[in-house]
Amino acid sequence: MKTICVTLLLGLIGLYASAQNKLTLKQAIQMGIANNLNVNQSDLQMQKADIYWNQSKAQMLPNLNASLDHGINQGRSIDPYTNGYINKKVDYASYGASSSLLLYNGSSLHNLIKSNSLGYEASKM
């Protein structure tokens, strides 16, 4: 019984081993490059440099902020004229908007854009 199980097990291992794909040298090199940790890290660093470059260009754009606040206060208080309790409900609202635009900051923003652009180009290498 043991010999049948061992024979069956060895036969299955042989089938599994023969079912593996054989790679050519070109496929092996491509797989090695695609799964290389250093290559993946440098790709992520290139993406990060691109994000920094786009972010520094976006800092030149004007910004616009708006706010809206609405609320209700409800409560009971004493009327100073009649000395009796009164129920009051007060609605309030607040609205606001602001905008800003950078006119000049000593060309540091332009230099930051150039620096991030060169950093992106260097990370692509």
N, C-alpha and C. Protein backbone atom coordinates (compact mmCIF):
# COMPACT_ATOMS: atom_id res chain seq x y z
N MET A 1 0.82 -1.20 0.00
CA MET A 1 0.00 0.00 0.00
C MET A 1 0.87 1.26 0.00
N LYS A 2 1.96 1.18 0.79
CA LYS A 2 2.86 2.34 0.85
C LYS A 2 3.53 2.58 -0.49
N THR A 3 3.89 1.54 -1.16
CA THR A 3 4.59 1.69 -2.43
C THR A 3 3.67 2.31 -3.49
N ILE A 4 2.38 2.01 -3.42
CA ILE A 4 1.43 2.59 -4.37
C ILE A 4 1.29 4.10 -4.11
N CYS A 5 1.20 4.46 -2.84
CA CYS A 5 1.08 5.89 -2.49
C CYS A 5 2.33 6.65 -2.89
N VAL A 6 3.50 6.06 -2.65
CA VAL A 6 4.76 6.73 -2.99
C VAL A 6 4.88 6.87 -4.50
N THR A 7 4.49 5.84 -5.24
CA THR A 7 4.55 5.88 -6.69
C THR A 7 3.59 6.94 -7.24
N LEU A 8 2.41 6.98 -6.68
CA LEU A 8 1.41 7.97 -7.11
C LEU A 8 1.91 9.38 -6.81
N LEU A 9 2.50 9.57 -5.64
CA LEU A 9 3.02 10.88 -5.25
C LEU A 9 4.16 11.31 -6.18
N LEU A 10 5.06 10.42 -6.48
CA LEU A 10 6.17 10.75 -7.39
C LEU A 10 5.67 11.04 -8.80
N GLY A 11 4.63 10.33 -9.22
CA GLY A 11 4.05 10.60 -10.53
C GLY A 11 3.43 11.99 -10.59
N LEU A 12 2.73 12.40 -9.53
CA LEU A 12 2.14 13.74 -9.49
C LEU A 12 3.21 14.83 -9.47
N ILE A 13 4.29 14.59 -8.74
CA ILE A 13 5.39 15.56 -8.70
C ILE A 13 6.01 15.68 -10.09
N GLY A 14 6.16 14.57 -10.77
CA GLY A 14 6.71 14.60 -12.12
C GLY A 14 5.82 15.37 -13.08
N LEU A 15 4.50 15.22 -12.96
CA LEU A 15 3.57 15.97 -13.80
C LEU A 15 3.66 17.47 -13.50
N TYR A 16 3.76 17.82 -12.21
CA TYR A 16 3.85 19.22 -11.83
C TYR A 16 5.14 19.84 -12.35
N ALA A 17 6.23 19.09 -12.26
CA ALA A 17 7.53 19.62 -12.71
C ALA A 17 7.55 19.81 -14.22
N SER A 18 6.90 18.93 -14.95
CA SER A 18 6.91 19.08 -16.40
C SER A 18 5.94 20.15 -16.87
N ALA A 19 5.01 20.58 -16.01
CA ALA A 19 4.03 21.58 -16.40
C ALA A 19 4.58 23.01 -16.27
N GLN A 20 5.78 23.19 -15.70
CA GLN A 20 6.35 24.51 -15.56
C GLN A 20 6.79 25.04 -16.92
N ASN A 21 6.63 26.36 -17.10
CA ASN A 21 7.02 26.99 -18.36
C ASN A 21 8.53 27.19 -18.41
N LYS A 22 9.08 27.01 -19.57
CA LYS A 22 10.50 27.29 -19.77
C LYS A 22 10.61 28.69 -20.34
N LEU A 23 11.54 29.46 -19.79
CA LEU A 23 11.72 30.85 -20.19
C LEU A 23 12.92 30.98 -21.12
N THR A 24 12.81 31.89 -22.04
CA THR A 24 13.96 32.24 -22.85
C THR A 24 14.80 33.26 -22.07
N LEU A 25 15.98 33.54 -22.56
CA LEU A 25 16.85 34.50 -21.88
C LEU A 25 16.22 35.88 -21.85
N LYS A 26 15.61 36.28 -22.94
CA LYS A 26 14.97 37.60 -23.02
C LYS A 26 13.82 37.71 -22.02
N GLN A 27 13.01 36.65 -21.93
CA GLN A 27 11.89 36.66 -20.97
C GLN A 27 12.39 36.70 -19.54
N ALA A 28 13.47 35.98 -19.25
CA ALA A 28 14.04 35.97 -17.90
C ALA A 28 14.57 37.35 -17.52
N ILE A 29 15.22 38.02 -18.47
CA ILE A 29 15.75 39.37 -18.20
C ILE A 29 14.60 40.35 -17.99
N GLN A 30 13.57 40.27 -18.82
CA GLN A 30 12.42 41.16 -18.66
C GLN A 30 11.72 40.92 -17.32
N MET A 31 11.59 39.67 -16.91
CA MET A 31 10.95 39.35 -15.63
C MET A 31 11.80 39.86 -14.47
N GLY A 32 13.12 39.73 -14.61
CA GLY A 32 14.01 40.21 -13.57
C GLY A 32 13.95 41.72 -13.41
N ILE A 33 13.89 42.45 -14.52
CA ILE A 33 13.78 43.91 -14.46
C ILE A 33 12.44 44.34 -13.90
N ALA A 34 11.37 43.65 -14.31
CA ALA A 34 10.03 44.03 -13.83
C ALA A 34 9.87 43.78 -12.35
N ASN A 35 10.56 42.78 -11.80
CA ASN A 35 10.41 42.45 -10.38
C ASN A 35 11.57 42.94 -9.51
N ASN A 36 12.44 43.77 -10.07
CA ASN A 36 13.59 44.29 -9.34
C ASN A 36 13.13 45.39 -8.39
N LEU A 37 13.52 45.29 -7.14
CA LEU A 37 13.11 46.27 -6.13
C LEU A 37 13.69 47.65 -6.42
N ASN A 38 14.93 47.74 -6.84
CA ASN A 38 15.55 49.04 -7.14
C ASN A 38 14.86 49.73 -8.31
N VAL A 39 14.48 48.96 -9.32
CA VAL A 39 13.79 49.54 -10.47
C VAL A 39 12.42 50.07 -10.05
N ASN A 40 11.71 49.30 -9.22
CA ASN A 40 10.39 49.75 -8.75
C ASN A 40 10.51 50.99 -7.87
N GLN A 41 11.54 51.05 -7.02
CA GLN A 41 11.73 52.22 -6.17
C GLN A 41 12.07 53.46 -7.00
N SER A 42 12.90 53.31 -8.01
CA SER A 42 13.24 54.47 -8.84
C SER A 42 12.02 54.94 -9.63
N ASP A 43 11.14 54.02 -10.02
CA ASP A 43 9.91 54.41 -10.70
C ASP A 43 9.02 55.22 -9.76
N LEU A 44 8.92 54.79 -8.51
CA LEU A 44 8.12 55.54 -7.53
C LEU A 44 8.73 56.91 -7.25
N GLN A 45 10.06 56.99 -7.21
CA GLN A 45 10.71 58.29 -7.00
C GLN A 45 10.46 59.22 -8.18
N MET A 46 10.41 58.67 -9.39
CA MET A 46 10.11 59.49 -10.56
C MET A 46 8.68 60.02 -10.48
N GLN A 47 7.74 59.17 -10.05
CA GLN A 47 6.36 59.62 -9.91
C GLN A 47 6.24 60.70 -8.83
N LYS A 48 6.99 60.55 -7.74
CA LYS A 48 6.97 61.55 -6.67
C LYS A 48 7.54 62.88 -7.17
N ALA A 49 8.61 62.84 -7.94
CA ALA A 49 9.21 64.07 -8.48
C ALA A 49 8.23 64.75 -9.44
N ASP A 50 7.49 63.98 -10.21
CA ASP A 50 6.49 64.54 -11.12
C ASP A 50 5.37 65.22 -10.33
N ILE A 51 4.96 64.62 -9.23
CA ILE A 51 3.92 65.23 -8.39
C ILE A 51 4.42 66.54 -7.79
N TYR A 52 5.67 66.57 -7.30
CA TYR A 52 6.23 67.80 -6.74
C TYR A 52 6.30 68.90 -7.80
N TRP A 53 6.66 68.53 -9.01
CA TRP A 53 6.77 69.51 -10.09
C TRP A 53 5.39 70.08 -10.42
N ASN A 54 4.39 69.23 -10.55
CA ASN A 54 3.03 69.71 -10.83
C ASN A 54 2.49 70.55 -9.68
N GLN A 55 2.81 70.17 -8.46
CA GLN A 55 2.36 70.93 -7.29
C GLN A 55 3.00 72.32 -7.26
N SER A 56 4.27 72.42 -7.61
CA SER A 56 4.92 73.73 -7.60
C SER A 56 4.36 74.62 -8.71
N LYS A 57 3.97 74.03 -9.85
CA LYS A 57 3.33 74.83 -10.90
C LYS A 57 1.94 75.30 -10.46
N ALA A 58 1.23 74.47 -9.70
CA ALA A 58 -0.12 74.84 -9.25
C ALA A 58 -0.09 75.94 -8.19
N GLN A 59 1.05 76.14 -7.53
CA GLN A 59 1.13 77.19 -6.53
C GLN A 59 1.07 78.58 -7.15
N MET A 60 1.28 78.69 -8.44
CA MET A 60 1.20 79.99 -9.11
C MET A 60 -0.25 80.39 -9.40
N LEU A 61 -1.16 79.46 -9.32
CA LEU A 61 -2.56 79.74 -9.62
C LEU A 61 -3.22 80.47 -8.46
N PRO A 62 -4.20 81.31 -8.73
CA PRO A 62 -4.93 81.96 -7.63
C PRO A 62 -5.83 80.94 -6.93
N ASN A 63 -6.16 81.24 -5.68
CA ASN A 63 -7.08 80.36 -4.98
C ASN A 63 -8.31 81.13 -4.54
N LEU A 64 -9.40 80.44 -4.40
CA LEU A 64 -10.68 81.01 -4.00
C LEU A 64 -11.27 80.14 -2.91
N ASN A 65 -11.64 80.77 -1.80
CA ASN A 65 -12.23 80.06 -0.68
C ASN A 65 -13.60 80.65 -0.38
N ALA A 66 -14.53 79.81 -0.04
CA ALA A 66 -15.87 80.26 0.32
C ALA A 66 -16.34 79.49 1.56
N SER A 67 -17.15 80.15 2.37
CA SER A 67 -17.68 79.48 3.56
C SER A 67 -19.13 79.88 3.77
N LEU A 68 -19.87 78.97 4.37
CA LEU A 68 -21.28 79.17 4.65
C LEU A 68 -21.57 78.52 5.98
N ASP A 69 -22.20 79.26 6.87
CA ASP A 69 -22.54 78.74 8.19
C ASP A 69 -23.97 79.14 8.50
N HIS A 70 -24.76 78.19 8.93
CA HIS A 70 -26.16 78.46 9.26
C HIS A 70 -26.48 77.67 10.52
N GLY A 71 -27.25 78.28 11.40
CA GLY A 71 -27.60 77.58 12.63
C GLY A 71 -28.85 78.13 13.27
N ILE A 72 -29.33 77.38 14.25
CA ILE A 72 -30.54 77.75 14.99
C ILE A 72 -30.23 77.60 16.48
N ASN A 73 -30.52 78.64 17.24
CA ASN A 73 -30.45 78.57 18.69
C ASN A 73 -31.86 78.64 19.24
N GLN A 74 -32.14 77.77 20.16
CA GLN A 74 -33.48 77.73 20.73
C GLN A 74 -33.33 77.60 22.24
N GLY A 75 -34.14 78.36 22.96
CA GLY A 75 -34.02 78.28 24.41
C GLY A 75 -35.09 79.07 25.13
N ARG A 76 -34.99 79.04 26.44
CA ARG A 76 -35.97 79.70 27.31
C ARG A 76 -35.24 80.74 28.14
N SER A 77 -35.82 81.93 28.26
CA SER A 77 -35.21 82.99 29.04
C SER A 77 -36.31 83.79 29.73
N ILE A 78 -35.89 84.70 30.60
CA ILE A 78 -36.84 85.55 31.34
C ILE A 78 -36.97 86.88 30.62
N ASP A 79 -38.21 87.29 30.38
CA ASP A 79 -38.48 88.57 29.76
C ASP A 79 -38.26 89.66 30.81
N PRO A 80 -37.38 90.64 30.56
CA PRO A 80 -37.10 91.67 31.57
C PRO A 80 -38.28 92.61 31.82
N TYR A 81 -39.25 92.69 30.92
CA TYR A 81 -40.38 93.60 31.09
C TYR A 81 -41.52 92.96 31.88
N THR A 82 -41.80 91.71 31.60
CA THR A 82 -42.93 91.06 32.26
C THR A 82 -42.49 90.09 33.35
N ASN A 83 -41.21 89.82 33.45
CA ASN A 83 -40.64 88.90 34.42
C ASN A 83 -41.24 87.49 34.28
N GLY A 84 -41.60 87.14 33.07
CA GLY A 84 -42.13 85.80 32.79
C GLY A 84 -41.19 85.05 31.85
N TYR A 85 -41.38 83.75 31.77
CA TYR A 85 -40.57 82.94 30.87
C TYR A 85 -41.05 83.09 29.43
N ILE A 86 -40.07 83.17 28.52
CA ILE A 86 -40.42 83.20 27.10
C ILE A 86 -39.54 82.18 26.37
N ASN A 87 -40.10 81.61 25.35
CA ASN A 87 -39.34 80.68 24.48
C ASN A 87 -38.88 81.46 23.26
N LYS A 88 -37.59 81.37 22.97
CA LYS A 88 -37.04 82.09 21.82
C LYS A 88 -36.35 81.13 20.88
N LYS A 89 -36.45 81.46 19.61
CA LYS A 89 -35.76 80.72 18.57
C LYS A 89 -35.03 81.75 17.70
N VAL A 90 -33.74 81.60 17.56
CA VAL A 90 -32.93 82.54 16.80
C VAL A 90 -32.24 81.79 15.66
N ASP A 91 -32.46 82.25 14.45
CA ASP A 91 -31.76 81.72 13.28
C ASP A 91 -30.61 82.66 12.95
N TYR A 92 -29.49 82.08 12.57
CA TYR A 92 -28.37 82.93 12.16
C TYR A 92 -27.68 82.30 10.96
N ALA A 93 -27.03 83.17 10.20
CA ALA A 93 -26.30 82.72 9.01
C ALA A 93 -25.07 83.59 8.82
N SER A 94 -24.03 82.98 8.32
CA SER A 94 -22.80 83.70 8.06
C SER A 94 -22.25 83.22 6.72
N TYR A 95 -21.87 84.14 5.87
CA TYR A 95 -21.36 83.82 4.55
C TYR A 95 -20.02 84.53 4.37
N GLY A 96 -19.14 83.91 3.63
CA GLY A 96 -17.85 84.55 3.40
C GLY A 96 -17.17 84.00 2.17
N ALA A 97 -16.34 84.82 1.58
CA ALA A 97 -15.55 84.40 0.43
C ALA A 97 -14.23 85.15 0.46
N SER A 98 -13.18 84.49 0.03
CA SER A 98 -11.88 85.15 -0.04
C SER A 98 -11.10 84.56 -1.21
N SER A 99 -10.17 85.36 -1.69
CA SER A 99 -9.34 84.93 -2.80
C SER A 99 -7.96 85.52 -2.61
N SER A 100 -6.97 84.81 -3.14
CA SER A 100 -5.61 85.34 -3.05
C SER A 100 -4.85 84.98 -4.32
N LEU A 101 -3.90 85.85 -4.65
CA LEU A 101 -3.07 85.67 -5.83
C LEU A 101 -1.68 86.17 -5.47
N LEU A 102 -0.70 85.32 -5.71
CA LEU A 102 0.69 85.69 -5.44
C LEU A 102 1.21 86.51 -6.61
N LEU A 103 1.59 87.76 -6.34
CA LEU A 103 2.09 88.62 -7.40
C LEU A 103 3.60 88.47 -7.58
N TYR A 104 4.35 88.54 -6.49
CA TYR A 104 5.80 88.45 -6.60
C TYR A 104 6.36 87.99 -5.26
N ASN A 105 7.24 87.02 -5.29
CA ASN A 105 7.88 86.56 -4.05
C ASN A 105 9.39 86.39 -4.23
N GLY A 106 9.97 87.28 -4.98
CA GLY A 106 11.41 87.24 -5.17
C GLY A 106 11.86 86.12 -6.10
N SER A 107 11.01 85.70 -6.98
CA SER A 107 11.28 84.63 -7.96
C SER A 107 11.57 83.28 -7.33
N SER A 108 11.28 83.13 -6.06
CA SER A 108 11.54 81.83 -5.44
C SER A 108 10.59 80.76 -5.98
N LEU A 109 9.37 81.14 -6.36
CA LEU A 109 8.45 80.16 -6.91
C LEU A 109 8.90 79.69 -8.29
N HIS A 110 9.40 80.61 -9.11
CA HIS A 110 9.93 80.23 -10.42
C HIS A 110 11.15 79.32 -10.27
N ASN A 111 12.00 79.63 -9.30
CA ASN A 111 13.17 78.79 -9.07
C ASN A 111 12.77 77.42 -8.53
N LEU A 112 11.72 77.37 -7.72
CA LEU A 112 11.22 76.08 -7.22
C LEU A 112 10.69 75.23 -8.37
N ILE A 113 9.98 75.87 -9.31
CA ILE A 113 9.47 75.13 -10.47
C ILE A 113 10.62 74.59 -11.31
N LYS A 114 11.65 75.41 -11.53
CA LYS A 114 12.82 74.95 -12.30
C LYS A 114 13.52 73.79 -11.59
N SER A 115 13.66 73.93 -10.26
CA SER A 115 14.32 72.89 -9.48
C SER A 115 13.55 71.58 -9.54
N ASN A 116 12.23 71.66 -9.38
CA ASN A 116 11.42 70.44 -9.43
C ASN A 116 11.38 69.85 -10.84
N SER A 117 11.44 70.70 -11.85
CA SER A 117 11.50 70.21 -13.22
C SER A 117 12.79 69.44 -13.47
N LEU A 118 13.90 69.99 -13.01
CA LEU A 118 15.19 69.30 -13.17
C LEU A 118 15.24 68.02 -12.33
N GLY A 119 14.63 68.06 -11.15
CA GLY A 119 14.56 66.85 -10.33
C GLY A 119 13.76 65.75 -11.00
N TYR A 120 12.70 66.13 -11.68
CA TYR A 120 11.89 65.14 -12.41
C TYR A 120 12.68 64.57 -13.58
N GLU A 121 13.37 65.44 -14.32
CA GLU A 121 14.17 64.97 -15.45
C GLU A 121 15.29 64.04 -14.97
N ALA A 122 15.90 64.36 -13.83
CA ALA A 122 16.96 63.53 -13.30
C ALA A 122 16.41 62.17 -12.83
N SER A 123 15.21 62.18 -12.26
CA SER A 123 14.64 60.91 -11.79
C SER A 123 14.21 60.02 -12.95
N LYS A 124 13.93 60.62 -14.12
CA LYS A 124 13.59 59.81 -15.29
C LYS A 124 14.81 59.06 -15.82
N MET A 125 15.98 59.60 -15.56
CA MET A 125 17.20 58.94 -16.04
C MET A 125 17.41 57.66 -15.29
